[in-house]
Amino acid sequence: MQSNSCNSSSSSTLDLPSPTLHPIHSNHSAITSPAPTTPSSEPSTEAESKKLPSSQYKGVVPQPNGRWGAQIYEKHRRVWLGTFNLEHDAARAYDLAAQRFRGRDAITNFPPLSLSADPHELSFLLSRSKAEIVDMLRKHTYLDELRLCPPLFSPKNASVVSSKPAREHLFDKAVTPSDVGKLNRLVIPKQHAEKHFPLADGAKGVLLNFEEGCAGGKVWRFRYSYWNSSQSYVLTKGWSRFVKEKGLVAGDLVGFYRSKGEERQFYIDCRPRGEEGGGVQTFRLFGVNIGILGSLNMNKKRSFEGMEVGLLMKKQCVGGLG
């Protein structure tokens, strides 16, 4: 009786399909972006994992609670990708991270995205930073983000949308020091907010998608809401990431646009201050930044600088008499 049980156990182990590791043959390579932070602690230790059966998939480790963890190594540091109910899902998470981290050199558990008939997911994956992909996998929001991202290929024809769609300019906002500071919010002028981004009655906030540049650009998602405390309309969640990636500083212009087609897609652009006669130029007066419209000519700028010097000398003279 004992031998039969052993044989049945052995046969079940042998029947377990071994995964096929696929090299990725995409012409894409990983986009340079800052490496994600060291993963948060997870309930998986080397001592515990030794007692558990190993996974048949690369990058997948068993967990004491019966679930499966996914991980990848970047520069000899472990990056935790999250915990999943199914071993198969953990293997998929590893594959996504591997293709984003290692590009064409990635070894995957399943056929890579470059072999798929639909290139939309591969484009989506490579257009996000490593940290963004890791965050989506940990929070299990990757598929939702993918569905919300408009495809690069039209369903009616398989041609890439490369031309700039017809769109209308809504407004520009010259960002202030607080807009690009640590508050993680952009204040939208009230007249533009109520005209272009009206909130439904009783709505506390919504998620707005803004495509960068023209069709096929990166899609930014911001939380848009109304703050009763300051009586202002603001973009919050996602804004600090946009500021950091674009290197925005006070005075830079952020432009908002909307397509003229049926989809009514929103677009966002930014340009340095002073470009095309726009933006804000700042001058320091007694330690305070004074914003001057970029359209002012150099003679006016010099007059402001001269006024600052004159007032400073006057202040010093008055202080000396005291």
Protein backbone atom coordinates (compact mmCIF):
# COMPACT_ATOMS: atom_id res chain seq x y z
CA MET A 1 0.00 0.00 0.00
CA GLN A 2 2.80 2.35 0.81
CA SER A 3 4.56 1.72 -2.49
CA ASN A 4 1.37 2.49 -4.41
CA SER A 5 1.05 5.84 -2.76
CA CYS A 6 4.64 6.62 -3.55
CA ASN A 7 4.14 5.65 -7.16
CA SER A 8 1.06 7.81 -7.48
CA SER A 9 2.91 10.71 -5.93
CA SER A 10 5.81 10.20 -8.29
CA SER A 11 3.59 9.98 -11.35
CA SER A 12 1.76 13.16 -10.43
CA THR A 13 5.06 14.94 -10.18
CA LEU A 14 6.17 13.65 -13.55
CA ASP A 15 2.90 14.70 -15.19
CA LEU A 16 3.54 18.32 -14.21
CA PRO A 17 4.28 20.21 -17.46
CA SER A 18 7.61 21.90 -17.56
CA PRO A 19 7.54 25.52 -18.75
CA THR A 20 9.16 26.60 -21.96
CA LEU A 21 11.39 29.64 -21.60
CA HIS A 22 11.13 31.95 -24.56
CA PRO A 23 13.76 34.52 -25.56
CA ILE A 24 12.20 37.79 -26.63
CA HIS A 25 12.89 38.79 -30.24
CA SER A 26 11.53 42.33 -30.15
CA ASN A 27 13.46 45.13 -31.76
CA HIS A 28 12.57 47.23 -28.75
CA SER A 29 14.98 47.72 -25.93
CA ALA A 30 14.19 48.85 -22.41
CA ILE A 31 13.73 52.59 -22.08
CA THR A 32 16.22 54.24 -19.76
CA SER A 33 14.50 55.22 -16.55
CA PRO A 34 15.35 55.22 -12.88
CA ALA A 35 15.44 51.80 -11.27
CA PRO A 36 12.59 51.09 -8.84
CA THR A 37 13.13 51.15 -5.15
CA THR A 38 13.96 48.09 -3.12
CA PRO A 39 10.78 46.01 -2.66
CA SER A 40 8.81 46.16 0.51
CA SER A 41 9.11 43.26 2.89
CA GLU A 42 6.95 40.25 2.01
CA PRO A 43 6.18 37.09 4.02
CA SER A 44 8.72 35.01 2.15
CA THR A 45 11.99 33.99 3.73
CA GLU A 46 14.65 31.63 2.46
CA ALA A 47 14.09 29.27 5.39
CA GLU A 48 10.36 29.04 4.74
CA SER A 49 10.71 28.71 0.97
CA LYS A 50 13.02 25.72 1.37
CA LYS A 51 10.20 23.82 3.08
CA LEU A 52 7.75 24.61 0.27
CA PRO A 53 7.64 23.05 -3.20
CA SER A 54 9.48 25.13 -5.76
CA SER A 55 7.62 26.68 -8.67
CA GLN A 56 7.83 25.40 -12.19
CA TYR A 57 8.08 28.99 -13.44
CA LYS A 58 10.99 31.38 -13.52
CA GLY A 59 10.72 34.30 -11.09
CA VAL A 60 7.95 32.67 -9.03
CA VAL A 61 8.31 31.65 -5.38
CA PRO A 62 5.78 29.84 -3.16
CA GLN A 63 4.36 31.57 -0.10
CA PRO A 64 3.49 29.99 3.28
CA ASN A 65 -0.17 30.98 2.87
CA GLY A 66 -0.54 28.95 -0.33
CA ARG A 67 -0.23 31.91 -2.66
CA TRP A 68 2.57 32.67 -5.12
CA GLY A 69 5.00 35.56 -5.20
CA ALA A 70 6.75 37.07 -8.22
CA GLN A 71 10.16 38.71 -8.12
CA ILE A 72 12.93 39.87 -10.42
CA TYR A 73 16.49 40.96 -9.81
CA GLU A 74 17.82 44.33 -10.97
CA LYS A 75 21.49 45.08 -10.43
CA HIS A 76 21.74 42.27 -7.87
CA ARG A 77 18.83 43.67 -5.88
CA ARG A 78 15.51 41.87 -5.52
CA VAL A 79 12.44 43.72 -6.77
CA TRP A 80 9.21 42.30 -5.38
CA LEU A 81 6.39 42.21 -7.96
CA GLY A 82 3.52 41.18 -5.71
CA THR A 83 1.63 38.15 -4.44
CA PHE A 84 -0.91 36.25 -6.54
CA ASN A 85 -3.50 33.55 -5.92
CA LEU A 86 -2.48 31.55 -8.98
CA GLU A 87 1.02 30.41 -9.91
CA HIS A 88 0.20 31.18 -13.53
CA ASP A 89 -0.60 34.83 -12.73
CA ALA A 90 2.65 35.24 -10.82
CA ALA A 91 4.54 33.87 -13.84
CA ARG A 92 2.76 36.37 -16.10
CA ALA A 93 3.75 39.21 -13.77
CA TYR A 94 7.37 38.11 -13.93
CA ASP A 95 7.23 37.99 -17.75
CA LEU A 96 5.93 41.57 -17.94
CA ALA A 97 8.62 42.86 -15.60
CA ALA A 98 11.32 40.91 -17.43
CA GLN A 99 10.36 42.36 -20.80
CA ARG A 100 10.29 45.89 -19.35
CA PHE A 101 13.58 45.50 -17.44
CA ARG A 102 15.59 43.50 -19.98
CA GLY A 103 13.99 44.15 -23.36
CA ARG A 104 15.12 41.82 -26.12
CA ASP A 105 17.34 39.85 -23.73
CA ALA A 106 14.43 38.82 -21.51
CA ILE A 107 13.78 35.12 -20.91
CA THR A 108 10.07 34.57 -20.32
CA ASN A 109 7.86 31.73 -19.15
CA PHE A 110 5.33 32.27 -21.94
CA PRO A 111 5.60 33.58 -25.51
CA PRO A 112 6.76 37.23 -25.32
CA LEU A 113 4.56 40.15 -26.32
CA SER A 114 6.70 40.77 -29.42
CA LEU A 115 5.23 37.58 -30.92
CA SER A 116 1.66 38.73 -30.34
CA ALA A 117 -0.49 39.81 -33.28
CA ASP A 118 -1.55 42.90 -31.31
CA PRO A 119 1.40 45.24 -30.57
CA HIS A 120 -0.67 47.47 -28.29
CA GLU A 121 0.37 45.82 -25.03
CA LEU A 122 4.07 45.84 -25.90
CA SER A 123 3.88 49.53 -26.75
CA PHE A 124 2.05 50.20 -23.49
CA LEU A 125 4.64 48.23 -21.51
CA LEU A 126 7.65 50.00 -23.00
CA SER A 127 6.10 53.47 -22.67
CA ARG A 128 5.91 53.13 -18.88
CA SER A 129 8.82 53.41 -16.50
CA LYS A 130 10.07 50.40 -14.58
CA ALA A 131 8.72 51.85 -11.34
CA GLU A 132 5.25 52.34 -12.89
CA ILE A 133 5.09 48.75 -14.13
CA VAL A 134 6.19 47.38 -10.75
CA ASP A 135 3.58 49.53 -9.00
CA MET A 136 0.82 48.27 -11.32
CA LEU A 137 1.81 44.64 -10.77
CA ARG A 138 1.92 45.00 -6.99
CA LYS A 139 -1.49 46.70 -6.90
CA HIS A 140 -2.96 44.32 -9.52
CA THR A 141 -4.01 47.29 -11.70
CA TYR A 142 -1.96 46.45 -14.80
CA LEU A 143 -4.88 45.10 -16.84
CA ASP A 144 -7.10 48.05 -15.89
CA GLU A 145 -4.43 50.54 -16.95
CA LEU A 146 -3.93 48.65 -20.21
CA ARG A 147 -7.65 48.74 -21.00
CA LEU A 148 -7.85 52.48 -20.29
CA CYS A 149 -4.91 53.25 -22.58
CA PRO A 150 -6.11 54.00 -26.15
CA PRO A 151 -4.60 51.58 -28.68
CA LEU A 152 -2.03 52.77 -31.20
CA PHE A 153 -3.73 50.72 -33.90
CA SER A 154 -7.15 51.50 -35.25
CA PRO A 155 -9.60 48.59 -35.07
CA LYS A 156 -10.78 49.33 -38.61
CA ASN A 157 -7.34 49.25 -40.15
CA ALA A 158 -4.04 48.00 -38.88
CA SER A 159 -2.11 51.14 -39.68
CA VAL A 160 -0.35 53.07 -36.94
CA VAL A 161 -1.87 56.44 -36.16
CA SER A 162 1.17 58.60 -36.74
CA SER A 163 -0.36 61.87 -37.89
CA LYS A 164 -1.29 64.54 -35.40
CA PRO A 165 -5.07 64.54 -34.92
CA ALA A 166 -7.14 67.67 -35.29
CA ARG A 167 -7.39 69.25 -31.88
CA GLU A 168 -8.38 72.50 -30.30
CA HIS A 169 -6.38 74.47 -27.77
CA LEU A 170 -8.21 74.88 -24.50
CA PHE A 171 -5.86 76.96 -22.35
CA ASP A 172 -2.31 77.33 -21.03
CA LYS A 173 -1.29 77.42 -17.39
CA ALA A 174 1.99 78.98 -16.24
CA VAL A 175 2.88 76.80 -13.29
CA THR A 176 3.61 78.51 -9.99
CA PRO A 177 6.22 77.49 -7.39
CA SER A 178 3.47 75.74 -5.40
CA ASP A 179 2.30 73.89 -8.54
CA VAL A 180 5.73 72.28 -8.90
CA GLY A 181 6.46 72.02 -5.17
CA LYS A 182 5.73 69.31 -2.64
CA LEU A 183 1.96 69.81 -2.57
CA ASN A 184 1.43 67.39 -5.50
CA ARG A 185 -1.26 69.45 -7.13
CA LEU A 186 -1.87 71.78 -10.06
CA VAL A 187 -4.48 74.49 -9.60
CA ILE A 188 -6.70 74.86 -12.67
CA PRO A 189 -8.07 78.40 -13.13
CA LYS A 190 -11.75 78.38 -12.21
CA GLN A 191 -13.01 79.74 -15.54
CA HIS A 192 -11.20 77.02 -17.49
CA ALA A 193 -12.07 74.25 -15.03
CA GLU A 194 -15.80 74.91 -15.13
CA LYS A 195 -15.81 75.34 -18.90
CA HIS A 196 -13.67 72.40 -20.01
CA PHE A 197 -13.70 69.96 -17.06
CA PRO A 198 -17.14 70.33 -15.44
CA LEU A 199 -17.82 68.00 -12.52
CA ALA A 200 -21.14 66.24 -12.21
CA ASP A 201 -23.34 67.34 -9.34
CA GLY A 202 -22.21 65.68 -6.15
CA ALA A 203 -19.05 64.25 -7.70
CA LYS A 204 -16.05 64.53 -5.40
CA GLY A 205 -13.57 63.82 -8.15
CA VAL A 206 -12.88 61.94 -11.35
CA LEU A 207 -9.88 60.46 -13.17
CA LEU A 208 -8.95 62.32 -16.35
CA ASN A 209 -6.73 60.88 -19.08
CA PHE A 210 -4.43 63.22 -20.97
CA GLU A 211 -2.46 61.92 -23.93
CA GLU A 212 0.99 63.41 -24.34
CA GLY A 213 1.75 65.16 -27.64
CA CYS A 214 -0.11 63.50 -30.50
CA ALA A 215 -1.86 60.16 -30.86
CA GLY A 216 0.23 57.28 -29.63
CA GLY A 217 1.93 59.31 -26.90
CA LYS A 218 2.12 58.40 -23.27
CA VAL A 219 -1.16 58.65 -21.39
CA TRP A 220 -1.14 60.51 -18.09
CA ARG A 221 -3.91 59.93 -15.53
CA PHE A 222 -4.66 62.67 -13.02
CA ARG A 223 -7.28 62.85 -10.32
CA TYR A 224 -9.36 65.97 -10.85
CA SER A 225 -11.42 67.35 -7.98
CA TYR A 226 -12.73 70.45 -6.26
CA TRP A 227 -11.27 71.48 -2.91
CA ASN A 228 -13.83 73.20 -0.71
CA SER A 229 -11.15 74.38 1.71
CA SER A 230 -9.42 76.55 -0.91
CA GLN A 231 -12.36 76.73 -3.34
CA SER A 232 -10.15 75.62 -6.20
CA TYR A 233 -10.11 72.98 -8.92
CA VAL A 234 -6.98 70.83 -8.85
CA LEU A 235 -5.19 67.95 -10.54
CA THR A 236 -3.66 65.79 -7.81
CA LYS A 237 -2.80 62.08 -8.09
CA GLY A 238 -0.21 61.59 -10.82
CA TRP A 239 0.74 65.25 -11.07
CA SER A 240 4.01 65.02 -9.10
CA ARG A 241 5.20 62.22 -11.39
CA PHE A 242 4.49 64.44 -14.43
CA VAL A 243 6.41 67.34 -12.86
CA LYS A 244 9.39 65.13 -12.08
CA GLU A 245 9.56 63.43 -15.48
CA LYS A 246 9.20 66.68 -17.42
CA GLY A 247 11.50 68.65 -15.12
CA LEU A 248 8.96 71.44 -14.72
CA VAL A 249 9.98 74.61 -12.92
CA ALA A 250 8.02 77.68 -11.94
CA GLY A 251 7.05 79.69 -15.02
CA ASP A 252 6.92 76.78 -17.47
CA LEU A 253 3.77 76.56 -19.55
CA VAL A 254 1.48 73.54 -19.51
CA GLY A 255 -0.94 73.44 -22.43
CA PHE A 256 -4.27 71.60 -22.46
CA TYR A 257 -5.97 70.48 -25.67
CA ARG A 258 -8.93 68.40 -26.81
CA SER A 259 -9.47 66.45 -30.01
CA LYS A 260 -12.18 67.57 -32.38
CA GLY A 261 -13.31 64.04 -33.17
CA GLU A 262 -16.04 61.98 -31.56
CA GLU A 263 -13.70 60.55 -28.91
CA ARG A 264 -13.03 64.01 -27.40
CA GLN A 265 -9.62 62.91 -26.15
CA PHE A 266 -7.71 65.31 -23.89
CA TYR A 267 -4.05 66.15 -24.61
CA ILE A 268 -1.33 67.77 -22.55
CA ASP A 269 1.92 69.47 -23.54
CA CYS A 270 4.52 71.53 -21.75
CA ARG A 271 7.19 73.97 -22.85
CA PRO A 272 9.89 75.96 -21.05
CA ARG A 273 9.17 79.47 -19.85
CA GLY A 274 9.86 82.22 -22.35
CA GLU A 275 9.41 79.90 -25.34
CA GLU A 276 7.35 81.46 -28.15
CA GLY A 277 6.97 84.63 -26.13
CA GLY A 278 5.10 82.84 -23.38
CA GLY A 279 5.90 81.78 -19.90
CA VAL A 280 6.88 83.78 -16.88
CA GLN A 281 10.25 85.29 -16.09
CA THR A 282 11.05 85.71 -12.42
CA PHE A 283 13.15 88.37 -10.71
CA ARG A 284 14.12 88.50 -7.05
CA LEU A 285 13.11 91.62 -5.14
CA PHE A 286 14.25 91.64 -1.49
CA GLY A 287 14.37 87.83 -1.52
CA VAL A 288 10.93 87.41 -3.14
CA ASN A 289 10.36 85.99 -6.65
CA ILE A 290 8.43 88.47 -8.80
CA GLY A 291 6.82 86.97 -11.94
CA ILE A 292 6.97 89.03 -15.14
CA LEU A 293 5.27 87.90 -18.35
CA GLY A 294 7.70 86.48 -20.88
CA SER A 295 6.40 88.85 -23.55
CA LEU A 296 8.11 91.81 -21.85
CA ASN A 297 11.06 93.02 -23.90
CA MET A 298 14.59 93.28 -22.60
CA ASN A 299 14.35 97.05 -22.00
CA LYS A 300 11.48 96.52 -19.58
CA LYS A 301 13.38 93.68 -17.94
CA ARG A 302 16.39 95.94 -17.41
CA SER A 303 14.13 98.63 -15.94
CA PHE A 304 12.83 96.14 -13.38
CA GLU A 305 16.35 95.05 -12.54
CA GLY A 306 17.42 98.68 -12.22
CA MET A 307 14.46 99.40 -9.97
CA GLU A 308 15.45 96.47 -7.74
CA VAL A 309 19.04 97.74 -7.45
CA GLY A 310 17.86 101.29 -6.75
CA LEU A 311 15.42 100.22 -4.06
CA LEU A 312 18.07 98.03 -2.46
CA MET A 313 20.57 100.90 -2.30
CA LYS A 314 17.90 103.17 -0.85
CA LYS A 315 17.09 100.57 1.81
CA GLN A 316 20.76 100.26 2.75
CA CYS A 317 21.17 104.06 3.00
CA VAL A 318 18.09 104.40 5.22
CA GLY A 319 19.37 101.58 7.41
CA GLY A 320 22.77 103.28 7.73
CA LEU A 321 21.18 106.58 8.85
CA GLY A 322 19.24 104.71 11.52
